[in-house]
Amino acid sequence: MKKIQVLGTGCAKCKKLEENVALAIKNLGLDYEIEKITDIKDILNYGIMMTPGLGIEGKIVSSGRLLNVREIETILTTDNA
C-alpha cells in the first residue's frame, strides 16, 4: 500500500488538506494510507518551510498551499504518484 504524507502542525488548512486527500483517494478508488506528519522537526526534515505539505511515498509534491480535491486527484493520476 502506498503512503501519502500530509505535513502540518494541525492548523485548519492542514486538517482540510487531509480531508481533501481522503476524498480524492475515495473518489479514485485508490489504496493509499494517509500518514500525518505533525512534528515540526519531521516536517523540516522533508524540506517543508511552509505548511500544509503533501508528499507521496516521501516525495514532496506540494507545500505552502491548500490543494482542492481535483488538484489532488490530478496529482494522484499522473506520474507523480
C-alpha atoms as a PDB file:
ATOM      1  CA  MET A   1       0.000   0.000   0.000  1.00  0.00           C
ATOM      2  CA  LYS A   2       1.334   3.417  -0.965  1.00  0.00           C
ATOM      3  CA  LYS A   3       1.553   6.198   1.595  1.00  0.00           C
ATOM      4  CA  ILE A   4       0.575   9.826   1.277  1.00  0.00           C
ATOM      5  CA  GLN A   5       2.109  12.234   3.750  1.00  0.00           C
ATOM      6  CA  VAL A   6       0.122  15.243   4.963  1.00  0.00           C
ATOM      7  CA  LEU A   7       2.577  17.564   6.665  1.00  0.00           C
ATOM      8  CA  GLY A   8       1.383  20.207   9.091  1.00  0.00           C
ATOM      9  CA  THR A   9       1.140  21.033  12.754  1.00  0.00           C
ATOM     10  CA  GLY A  10      -2.634  20.746  12.924  1.00  0.00           C
ATOM     11  CA  CYS A  11      -3.824  24.101  11.618  1.00  0.00           C
ATOM     12  CA  ALA A  12      -7.168  24.425   9.841  1.00  0.00           C
ATOM     13  CA  LYS A  13      -5.552  24.268   6.379  1.00  0.00           C
ATOM     14  CA  CYS A  14      -3.622  21.128   7.320  1.00  0.00           C
ATOM     15  CA  LYS A  15      -6.781  19.420   8.547  1.00  0.00           C
ATOM     16  CA  LYS A  16      -8.665  20.446   5.406  1.00  0.00           C
ATOM     17  CA  LEU A  17      -5.842  19.096   3.216  1.00  0.00           C
ATOM     18  CA  GLU A  18      -6.143  15.750   4.993  1.00  0.00           C
ATOM     19  CA  GLU A  19      -9.905  15.747   4.340  1.00  0.00           C
ATOM     20  CA  ASN A  20      -9.344  16.611   0.665  1.00  0.00           C
ATOM     21  CA  VAL A  21      -6.746  13.848   0.306  1.00  0.00           C
ATOM     22  CA  ALA A  22      -9.120  11.293   1.833  1.00  0.00           C
ATOM     23  CA  LEU A  23     -11.902  12.368  -0.531  1.00  0.00           C
ATOM     24  CA  ALA A  24      -9.618  12.246  -3.589  1.00  0.00           C
ATOM     25  CA  ILE A  25      -8.449   8.731  -2.670  1.00  0.00           C
ATOM     26  CA  LYS A  26     -12.060   7.622  -2.218  1.00  0.00           C
ATOM     27  CA  ASN A  27     -13.200   9.228  -5.481  1.00  0.00           C
ATOM     28  CA  LEU A  28     -10.433   7.487  -7.425  1.00  0.00           C
ATOM     29  CA  GLY A  29     -10.788   4.157  -5.622  1.00  0.00           C
ATOM     30  CA  LEU A  30      -7.087   4.055  -4.763  1.00  0.00           C
ATOM     31  CA  ASP A  31      -5.432   2.071  -1.997  1.00  0.00           C
ATOM     32  CA  TYR A  32      -3.384   4.671  -0.124  1.00  0.00           C
ATOM     33  CA  GLU A  33      -2.639   5.133   3.549  1.00  0.00           C
ATOM     34  CA  ILE A  34      -2.653   8.716   4.842  1.00  0.00           C
ATOM     35  CA  GLU A  35       0.276   9.423   7.131  1.00  0.00           C
ATOM     36  CA  LYS A  36       0.015  12.612   9.193  1.00  0.00           C
ATOM     37  CA  ILE A  37       3.346  14.287   9.944  1.00  0.00           C
ATOM     38  CA  THR A  38       2.788  16.847  12.709  1.00  0.00           C
ATOM     39  CA  ASP A  39       6.152  17.139  14.464  1.00  0.00           C
ATOM     40  CA  ILE A  40       7.911  20.296  13.305  1.00  0.00           C
ATOM     41  CA  LYS A  41      11.317  18.566  13.228  1.00  0.00           C
ATOM     42  CA  ASP A  42       9.947  15.818  10.983  1.00  0.00           C
ATOM     43  CA  ILE A  43       8.305  18.404   8.729  1.00  0.00           C
ATOM     44  CA  LEU A  44      11.596  20.274   8.394  1.00  0.00           C
ATOM     45  CA  ASN A  45      13.377  17.001   7.573  1.00  0.00           C
ATOM     46  CA  TYR A  46      11.135  16.769   4.497  1.00  0.00           C
ATOM     47  CA  GLY A  47      12.372  20.213   3.454  1.00  0.00           C
ATOM     48  CA  ILE A  48       8.994  21.868   4.034  1.00  0.00           C
ATOM     49  CA  MET A  49       9.245  25.511   5.064  1.00  0.00           C
ATOM     50  CA  MET A  50       5.520  26.324   4.766  1.00  0.00           C
ATOM     51  CA  THR A  51       2.619  24.070   5.614  1.00  0.00           C
ATOM     52  CA  PRO A  52       0.480  22.380   4.626  1.00  0.00           C
ATOM     53  CA  GLY A  53       2.615  19.985   2.662  1.00  0.00           C
ATOM     54  CA  LEU A  54       1.760  16.907   0.643  1.00  0.00           C
ATOM     55  CA  GLY A  55       4.063  14.005  -0.098  1.00  0.00           C
ATOM     56  CA  ILE A  56       3.633  10.755  -1.952  1.00  0.00           C
ATOM     57  CA  GLU A  57       5.889   7.931  -0.871  1.00  0.00           C
ATOM     58  CA  GLY A  58       8.124  10.535   0.803  1.00  0.00           C
ATOM     59  CA  LYS A  59       8.434  12.773  -2.277  1.00  0.00           C
ATOM     60  CA  ILE A  60       7.040  16.258  -1.645  1.00  0.00           C
ATOM     61  CA  VAL A  61       4.609  17.293  -4.392  1.00  0.00           C
ATOM     62  CA  SER A  62       3.180  20.451  -2.807  1.00  0.00           C
ATOM     63  CA  SER A  63       3.915  22.823   0.053  1.00  0.00           C
ATOM     64  CA  GLY A  64       2.526  26.057   1.375  1.00  0.00           C
ATOM     65  CA  ARG A  65      -0.925  25.789  -0.174  1.00  0.00           C
ATOM     66  CA  LEU A  66      -4.196  24.017   0.391  1.00  0.00           C
ATOM     67  CA  LEU A  67      -4.887  21.814  -2.618  1.00  0.00           C
ATOM     68  CA  ASN A  68      -8.501  21.143  -3.559  1.00  0.00           C
ATOM     69  CA  VAL A  69      -9.811  17.639  -4.243  1.00  0.00           C
ATOM     70  CA  ARG A  70      -9.495  17.951  -8.040  1.00  0.00           C
ATOM     71  CA  GLU A  71      -5.856  19.103  -7.791  1.00  0.00           C
ATOM     72  CA  ILE A  72      -5.039  16.120  -5.570  1.00  0.00           C
ATOM     73  CA  GLU A  73      -6.799  13.753  -7.957  1.00  0.00           C
ATOM     74  CA  THR A  74      -4.715  15.146 -10.814  1.00  0.00           C
ATOM     75  CA  ILE A  75      -1.503  14.611  -8.834  1.00  0.00           C
ATOM     76  CA  LEU A  76      -2.512  11.049  -7.954  1.00  0.00           C
ATOM     77  CA  THR A  77      -3.311  10.134 -11.564  1.00  0.00           C
ATOM     78  CA  THR A  78      -0.077  11.485 -13.074  1.00  0.00           C
ATOM     79  CA  ASP A  79       3.466  10.191 -12.925  1.00  0.00           C
ATOM     80  CA  ASN A  80       3.992  11.945  -9.570  1.00  0.00           C
ATOM     81  CA  ALA A  81       2.174   9.201  -7.701  1.00  0.00           C
END
